[in-house]
Amino acid sequence: MEMVIWLVLAVAGPNSYNSSPVMMHVGTYSSHSACQSAAKGATYPVKPLANNAQPTFICIQANDAGSKPPLN
């Protein structure tokens, strides 16, 4: 079975205990190394995000090749 790895951008507010992070599917890759390379090569916006939000890229292994990525 083909491995499917999703690159997800998670943006959490400064007080993550009181707010849920926003998740956005960024890309789909066939290996962890390809996903990690894409995450490391990504750039952050020049303009600071509101409320000191912290963007984080996460590589997530899908359960199977037919899985749908998270909704944006």
PDB file of N, CA and C in Angstrom:
ATOM      1  N   MET A   1       0.833  -1.181   0.000  1.00  0.00           N
ATOM      2  CA  MET A   1       0.000   0.000   0.000  1.00  0.00           C
ATOM      3  C   MET A   1       0.880   1.248   0.000  1.00  0.00           C
ATOM      4  N   GLU A   2       0.491   2.209  -0.763  1.00  0.00           N
ATOM      5  CA  GLU A   2       1.227   3.474  -0.861  1.00  0.00           C
ATOM      6  C   GLU A   2       1.045   4.293   0.419  1.00  0.00           C
ATOM      7  N   MET A   3       2.147   4.828   0.922  1.00  0.00           N
ATOM      8  CA  MET A   3       2.071   5.676   2.110  1.00  0.00           C
ATOM      9  C   MET A   3       1.602   7.069   1.701  1.00  0.00           C
ATOM     10  N   VAL A   4       0.735   7.655   2.490  1.00  0.00           N
ATOM     11  CA  VAL A   4       0.234   9.000   2.229  1.00  0.00           C
ATOM     12  C   VAL A   4       0.519   9.852   3.467  1.00  0.00           C
ATOM     13  N   ILE A   5       1.230  10.952   3.257  1.00  0.00           N
ATOM     14  CA  ILE A   5       1.581  11.870   4.331  1.00  0.00           C
ATOM     15  C   ILE A   5       0.998  13.232   3.993  1.00  0.00           C
ATOM     16  N   TRP A   6       0.266  13.820   4.936  1.00  0.00           N
ATOM     17  CA  TRP A   6      -0.292  15.157   4.744  1.00  0.00           C
ATOM     18  C   TRP A   6       0.577  16.180   5.456  1.00  0.00           C
ATOM     19  N   LEU A   7       0.816  17.300   4.795  1.00  0.00           N
ATOM     20  CA  LEU A   7       1.456  18.446   5.427  1.00  0.00           C
ATOM     21  C   LEU A   7       0.322  19.375   5.854  1.00  0.00           C
ATOM     22  N   VAL A   8       0.261  19.640   7.151  1.00  0.00           N
ATOM     23  CA  VAL A   8      -0.812  20.460   7.713  1.00  0.00           C
ATOM     24  C   VAL A   8      -0.185  21.667   8.398  1.00  0.00           C
ATOM     25  N   LEU A   9      -0.784  22.832   8.185  1.00  0.00           N
ATOM     26  CA  LEU A   9      -0.376  24.049   8.866  1.00  0.00           C
ATOM     27  C   LEU A   9      -1.333  24.254  10.035  1.00  0.00           C
ATOM     28  N   ALA A  10      -0.795  24.308  11.237  1.00  0.00           N
ATOM     29  CA  ALA A  10      -1.602  24.563  12.434  1.00  0.00           C
ATOM     30  C   ALA A  10      -1.223  25.943  12.958  1.00  0.00           C
ATOM     31  N   VAL A  11      -2.235  26.766  13.216  1.00  0.00           N
ATOM     32  CA  VAL A  11      -1.988  28.098  13.766  1.00  0.00           C
ATOM     33  C   VAL A  11      -2.735  28.189  15.080  1.00  0.00           C
ATOM     34  N   ALA A  12      -1.974  28.305  16.156  1.00  0.00           N
ATOM     35  CA  ALA A  12      -2.556  28.414  17.491  1.00  0.00           C
ATOM     36  C   ALA A  12      -2.381  29.839  17.982  1.00  0.00           C
ATOM     37  N   GLY A  13      -3.357  30.297  18.728  1.00  0.00           N
ATOM     38  CA  GLY A  13      -3.274  31.631  19.311  1.00  0.00           C
ATOM     39  C   GLY A  13      -2.284  31.658  20.462  1.00  0.00           C
ATOM     40  N   PRO A  14      -2.061  32.839  21.034  1.00  0.00           N
ATOM     41  CA  PRO A  14      -1.079  32.959  22.114  1.00  0.00           C
ATOM     42  C   PRO A  14      -1.491  32.205  23.366  1.00  0.00           C
ATOM     43  N   ASN A  15      -2.775  32.011  23.568  1.00  0.00           N
ATOM     44  CA  ASN A  15      -3.262  31.266  24.723  1.00  0.00           C
ATOM     45  C   ASN A  15      -4.013  30.046  24.207  1.00  0.00           C
ATOM     46  N   SER A  16      -3.278  28.990  23.879  1.00  0.00           N
ATOM     47  CA  SER A  16      -3.880  27.816  23.246  1.00  0.00           C
ATOM     48  C   SER A  16      -4.830  27.069  24.175  1.00  0.00           C
ATOM     49  N   TYR A  17      -4.812  27.376  25.472  1.00  0.00           N
ATOM     50  CA  TYR A  17      -5.748  26.720  26.393  1.00  0.00           C
ATOM     51  C   TYR A  17      -7.181  27.201  26.178  1.00  0.00           C
ATOM     52  N   ASN A  18      -7.336  28.428  25.678  1.00  0.00           N
ATOM     53  CA  ASN A  18      -8.665  29.008  25.511  1.00  0.00           C
ATOM     54  C   ASN A  18      -9.136  29.032  24.064  1.00  0.00           C
ATOM     55  N   SER A  19      -8.287  28.678  23.127  1.00  0.00           N
ATOM     56  CA  SER A  19      -8.686  28.741  21.725  1.00  0.00           C
ATOM     57  C   SER A  19      -8.221  27.492  20.995  1.00  0.00           C
ATOM     58  N   SER A  20      -9.003  27.079  20.024  1.00  0.00           N
ATOM     59  CA  SER A  20      -8.641  25.907  19.225  1.00  0.00           C
ATOM     60  C   SER A  20      -7.741  26.337  18.077  1.00  0.00           C
ATOM     61  N   PRO A  21      -6.742  25.529  17.746  1.00  0.00           N
ATOM     62  CA  PRO A  21      -5.893  25.881  16.600  1.00  0.00           C
ATOM     63  C   PRO A  21      -6.674  25.763  15.296  1.00  0.00           C
ATOM     64  N   VAL A  22      -6.277  26.537  14.324  1.00  0.00           N
ATOM     65  CA  VAL A  22      -6.839  26.455  12.980  1.00  0.00           C
ATOM     66  C   VAL A  22      -5.917  25.544  12.190  1.00  0.00           C
ATOM     67  N   MET A  23      -6.495  24.533  11.523  1.00  0.00           N
ATOM     68  CA  MET A  23      -5.709  23.572  10.757  1.00  0.00           C
ATOM     69  C   MET A  23      -6.009  23.747   9.274  1.00  0.00           C
ATOM     70  N   MET A  24      -4.960  23.707   8.439  1.00  0.00           N
ATOM     71  CA  MET A  24      -5.138  23.828   6.998  1.00  0.00           C
ATOM     72  C   MET A  24      -4.251  22.811   6.287  1.00  0.00           C
ATOM     73  N   HIS A  25      -4.850  21.980   5.429  1.00  0.00           N
ATOM     74  CA  HIS A  25      -4.095  21.016   4.630  1.00  0.00           C
ATOM     75  C   HIS A  25      -3.308  21.795   3.588  1.00  0.00           C
ATOM     76  N   VAL A  26      -1.996  21.565   3.544  1.00  0.00           N
ATOM     77  CA  VAL A  26      -1.113  22.300   2.641  1.00  0.00           C
ATOM     78  C   VAL A  26      -0.658  21.440   1.468  1.00  0.00           C
ATOM     79  N   GLY A  27      -0.413  20.151   1.707  1.00  0.00           N
ATOM     80  CA  GLY A  27       0.064  19.292   0.633  1.00  0.00           C
ATOM     81  C   GLY A  27      -0.007  17.827   1.013  1.00  0.00           C
ATOM     82  N   THR A  28       0.166  16.964   0.007  1.00  0.00           N
ATOM     83  CA  THR A  28       0.155  15.516   0.191  1.00  0.00           C
ATOM     84  C   THR A  28       1.443  14.952  -0.387  1.00  0.00           C
ATOM     85  N   TYR A  29       2.108  14.084   0.372  1.00  0.00           N
ATOM     86  CA  TYR A  29       3.410  13.542  -0.027  1.00  0.00           C
ATOM     87  C   TYR A  29       3.423  12.033   0.150  1.00  0.00           C
ATOM     88  N   SER A  30       4.373  11.384  -0.496  1.00  0.00           N
ATOM     89  CA  SER A  30       4.463   9.922  -0.440  1.00  0.00           C
ATOM     90  C   SER A  30       5.491   9.436   0.583  1.00  0.00           C
ATOM     91  N   SER A  31       6.189  10.372   1.258  1.00  0.00           N
ATOM     92  CA  SER A  31       7.150   9.975   2.281  1.00  0.00           C
ATOM     93  C   SER A  31       7.267  11.071   3.337  1.00  0.00           C
ATOM     94  N   HIS A  32       7.690  10.649   4.533  1.00  0.00           N
ATOM     95  CA  HIS A  32       7.905  11.623   5.608  1.00  0.00           C
ATOM     96  C   HIS A  32       9.013  12.597   5.233  1.00  0.00           C
ATOM     97  N   SER A  33      10.066  12.098   4.603  1.00  0.00           N
ATOM     98  CA  SER A  33      11.192  12.977   4.267  1.00  0.00           C
ATOM     99  C   SER A  33      10.777  14.062   3.271  1.00  0.00           C
ATOM    100  N   ALA A  34       9.943  13.713   2.295  1.00  0.00           N
ATOM    101  CA  ALA A  34       9.473  14.720   1.330  1.00  0.00           C
ATOM    102  C   ALA A  34       8.596  15.753   2.027  1.00  0.00           C
ATOM    103  N   CYS A  35       7.750  15.299   2.939  1.00  0.00           N
ATOM    104  CA  CYS A  35       6.887  16.203   3.688  1.00  0.00           C
ATOM    105  C   CYS A  35       7.733  17.141   4.565  1.00  0.00           C
ATOM    106  N   GLN A  36       8.706  16.578   5.260  1.00  0.00           N
ATOM    107  CA  GLN A  36       9.558  17.380   6.131  1.00  0.00           C
ATOM    108  C   GLN A  36      10.369  18.399   5.334  1.00  0.00           C
ATOM    109  N   SER A  37      10.822  18.020   4.145  1.00  0.00           N
ATOM    110  CA  SER A  37      11.561  18.958   3.295  1.00  0.00           C
ATOM    111  C   SER A  37      10.678  20.124   2.875  1.00  0.00           C
ATOM    112  N   ALA A  38       9.432  19.817   2.526  1.00  0.00           N
ATOM    113  CA  ALA A  38       8.491  20.873   2.137  1.00  0.00           C
ATOM    114  C   ALA A  38       8.218  21.795   3.327  1.00  0.00           C
ATOM    115  N   ALA A  39       8.045  21.225   4.509  1.00  0.00           N
ATOM    116  CA  ALA A  39       7.783  22.037   5.703  1.00  0.00           C
ATOM    117  C   ALA A  39       8.973  22.934   6.020  1.00  0.00           C
ATOM    118  N   LYS A  40      10.180  22.390   5.925  1.00  0.00           N
ATOM    119  CA  LYS A  40      11.380  23.177   6.223  1.00  0.00           C
ATOM    120  C   LYS A  40      11.608  24.272   5.189  1.00  0.00           C
ATOM    121  N   GLY A  41      11.165  24.041   3.945  1.00  0.00           N
ATOM    122  CA  GLY A  41      11.354  25.020   2.881  1.00  0.00           C
ATOM    123  C   GLY A  41      10.266  26.071   2.813  1.00  0.00           C
ATOM    124  N   ALA A  42       9.223  25.911   3.620  1.00  0.00           N
ATOM    125  CA  ALA A  42       8.107  26.868   3.595  1.00  0.00           C
ATOM    126  C   ALA A  42       8.536  28.181   4.231  1.00  0.00           C
ATOM    127  N   THR A  43       7.919  29.238   3.781  1.00  0.00           N
ATOM    128  CA  THR A  43       8.190  30.549   4.361  1.00  0.00           C
ATOM    129  C   THR A  43       6.974  31.015   5.152  1.00  0.00           C
ATOM    130  N   TYR A  44       7.223  31.818   6.142  1.00  0.00           N
ATOM    131  CA  TYR A  44       6.148  32.400   6.941  1.00  0.00           C
ATOM    132  C   TYR A  44       5.831  33.788   6.402  1.00  0.00           C
ATOM    133  N   PRO A  45       4.631  34.276   6.635  1.00  0.00           N
ATOM    134  CA  PRO A  45       4.289  35.610   6.139  1.00  0.00           C
ATOM    135  C   PRO A  45       5.187  36.678   6.755  1.00  0.00           C
ATOM    136  N   VAL A  46       5.478  37.702   5.961  1.00  0.00           N
ATOM    137  CA  VAL A  46       6.313  38.802   6.443  1.00  0.00           C
ATOM    138  C   VAL A  46       5.550  39.587   7.511  1.00  0.00           C
ATOM    139  N   LYS A  47       4.260  39.786   7.281  1.00  0.00           N
ATOM    140  CA  LYS A  47       3.427  40.516   8.236  1.00  0.00           C
ATOM    141  C   LYS A  47       3.145  39.624   9.447  1.00  0.00           C
ATOM    142  N   PRO A  48       3.372  40.120  10.648  1.00  0.00           N
ATOM    143  CA  PRO A  48       3.082  39.296  11.840  1.00  0.00           C
ATOM    144  C   PRO A  48       1.608  38.908  11.890  1.00  0.00           C
ATOM    145  N   LEU A  49       1.340  37.699  12.358  1.00  0.00           N
ATOM    146  CA  LEU A  49      -0.027  37.228  12.494  1.00  0.00           C
ATOM    147  C   LEU A  49      -0.690  37.897  13.690  1.00  0.00           C
ATOM    148  N   ALA A  50      -2.012  38.039  13.638  1.00  0.00           N
ATOM    149  CA  ALA A  50      -2.771  38.673  14.712  1.00  0.00           C
ATOM    150  C   ALA A  50      -2.600  37.912  16.026  1.00  0.00           C
ATOM    151  N   ASN A  51      -2.598  38.628  17.119  1.00  0.00           N
ATOM    152  CA  ASN A  51      -2.551  38.051  18.459  1.00  0.00           C
ATOM    153  C   ASN A  51      -1.357  37.135  18.698  1.00  0.00           C
ATOM    154  N   ASN A  52      -0.249  37.404  18.036  1.00  0.00           N
ATOM    155  CA  ASN A  52       0.961  36.594  18.206  1.00  0.00           C
ATOM    156  C   ASN A  52       0.732  35.110  17.951  1.00  0.00           C
ATOM    157  N   ALA A  53      -0.116  34.799  16.989  1.00  0.00           N
ATOM    158  CA  ALA A  53      -0.401  33.404  16.652  1.00  0.00           C
ATOM    159  C   ALA A  53       0.879  32.714  16.213  1.00  0.00           C
ATOM    160  N   GLN A  54       1.005  31.436  16.542  1.00  0.00           N
ATOM    161  CA  GLN A  54       2.206  30.668  16.239  1.00  0.00           C
ATOM    162  C   GLN A  54       1.923  29.634  15.148  1.00  0.00           C
ATOM    163  N   PRO A  55       2.449  29.836  13.918  1.00  0.00           N
ATOM    164  CA  PRO A  55       2.242  28.833  12.865  1.00  0.00           C
ATOM    165  C   PRO A  55       3.207  27.663  13.024  1.00  0.00           C
ATOM    166  N   THR A  56       2.703  26.445  12.808  1.00  0.00           N
ATOM    167  CA  THR A  56       3.511  25.232  12.925  1.00  0.00           C
ATOM    168  C   THR A  56       3.117  24.264  11.818  1.00  0.00           C
ATOM    169  N   PHE A  57       4.097  23.704  11.119  1.00  0.00           N
ATOM    170  CA  PHE A  57       3.829  22.681  10.120  1.00  0.00           C
ATOM    171  C   PHE A  57       3.939  21.312  10.770  1.00  0.00           C
ATOM    172  N   ILE A  58       2.994  20.415  10.418  1.00  0.00           N
ATOM    173  CA  ILE A  58       2.965  19.066  10.968  1.00  0.00           C
ATOM    174  C   ILE A  58       2.809  18.072   9.823  1.00  0.00           C
ATOM    175  N   CYS A  59       3.609  17.011   9.811  1.00  0.00           N
ATOM    176  CA  CYS A  59       3.461  15.929   8.840  1.00  0.00           C
ATOM    177  C   CYS A  59       2.678  14.806   9.514  1.00  0.00           C
ATOM    178  N   ILE A  60       1.549  14.429   8.919  1.00  0.00           N
ATOM    179  CA  ILE A  60       0.645  13.437   9.502  1.00  0.00           C
ATOM    180  C   ILE A  60       0.476  12.276   8.532  1.00  0.00           C
ATOM    181  N   GLN A  61       0.693  11.062   9.009  1.00  0.00           N
ATOM    182  CA  GLN A  61       0.481   9.886   8.163  1.00  0.00           C
ATOM    183  C   GLN A  61      -1.011   9.582   8.098  1.00  0.00           C
ATOM    184  N   ALA A  62      -1.547   9.478   6.887  1.00  0.00           N
ATOM    185  CA  ALA A  62      -2.948   9.115   6.681  1.00  0.00           C
ATOM    186  C   ALA A  62      -3.108   7.616   6.943  1.00  0.00           C
ATOM    187  N   ASN A  63      -4.293   7.189   7.304  1.00  0.00           N
ATOM    188  CA  ASN A  63      -4.521   5.767   7.599  1.00  0.00           C
ATOM    189  C   ASN A  63      -4.409   4.900   6.360  1.00  0.00           C
ATOM    190  N   ASP A  64      -4.840   5.410   5.213  1.00  0.00           N
ATOM    191  CA  ASP A  64      -4.730   4.652   3.975  1.00  0.00           C
ATOM    192  C   ASP A  64      -4.741   5.616   2.791  1.00  0.00           C
ATOM    193  N   ALA A  65      -4.437   5.090   1.628  1.00  0.00           N
ATOM    194  CA  ALA A  65      -4.307   5.922   0.428  1.00  0.00           C
ATOM    195  C   ALA A  65      -5.606   6.594   0.046  1.00  0.00           C
ATOM    196  N   GLY A  66      -6.764   6.095   0.459  1.00  0.00           N
ATOM    197  CA  GLY A  66      -8.038   6.689   0.100  1.00  0.00           C
ATOM    198  C   GLY A  66      -8.539   7.730   1.086  1.00  0.00           C
ATOM    199  N   SER A  67      -7.764   8.037   2.133  1.00  0.00           N
ATOM    200  CA  SER A  67      -8.184   9.013   3.135  1.00  0.00           C
ATOM    201  C   SER A  67      -8.280  10.402   2.526  1.00  0.00           C
ATOM    202  N   LYS A  68      -9.238  11.159   3.003  1.00  0.00           N
ATOM    203  CA  LYS A  68      -9.407  12.550   2.567  1.00  0.00           C
ATOM    204  C   LYS A  68      -8.628  13.458   3.513  1.00  0.00           C
ATOM    205  N   PRO A  69      -7.965  14.493   2.987  1.00  0.00           N
ATOM    206  CA  PRO A  69      -7.229  15.414   3.851  1.00  0.00           C
ATOM    207  C   PRO A  69      -8.186  16.223   4.718  1.00  0.00           C
ATOM    208  N   PRO A  70      -7.670  16.819   5.801  1.00  0.00           N
ATOM    209  CA  PRO A  70      -8.517  17.652   6.657  1.00  0.00           C
ATOM    210  C   PRO A  70      -9.122  18.794   5.867  1.00  0.00           C
ATOM    211  N   LEU A  71     -10.288  19.231   6.285  1.00  0.00           N
ATOM    212  CA  LEU A  71     -10.939  20.357   5.617  1.00  0.00           C
ATOM    213  C   LEU A  71     -10.177  21.630   5.928  1.00  0.00           C
ATOM    214  N   ASN A  72     -10.149  22.541   4.960  1.00  0.00           N
ATOM    215  CA  ASN A  72      -9.471  23.826   5.168  1.00  0.00           C
ATOM    216  C   ASN A  72     -10.417  24.785   5.814  1.00  0.00           C
TER     217      ASN A  72
END
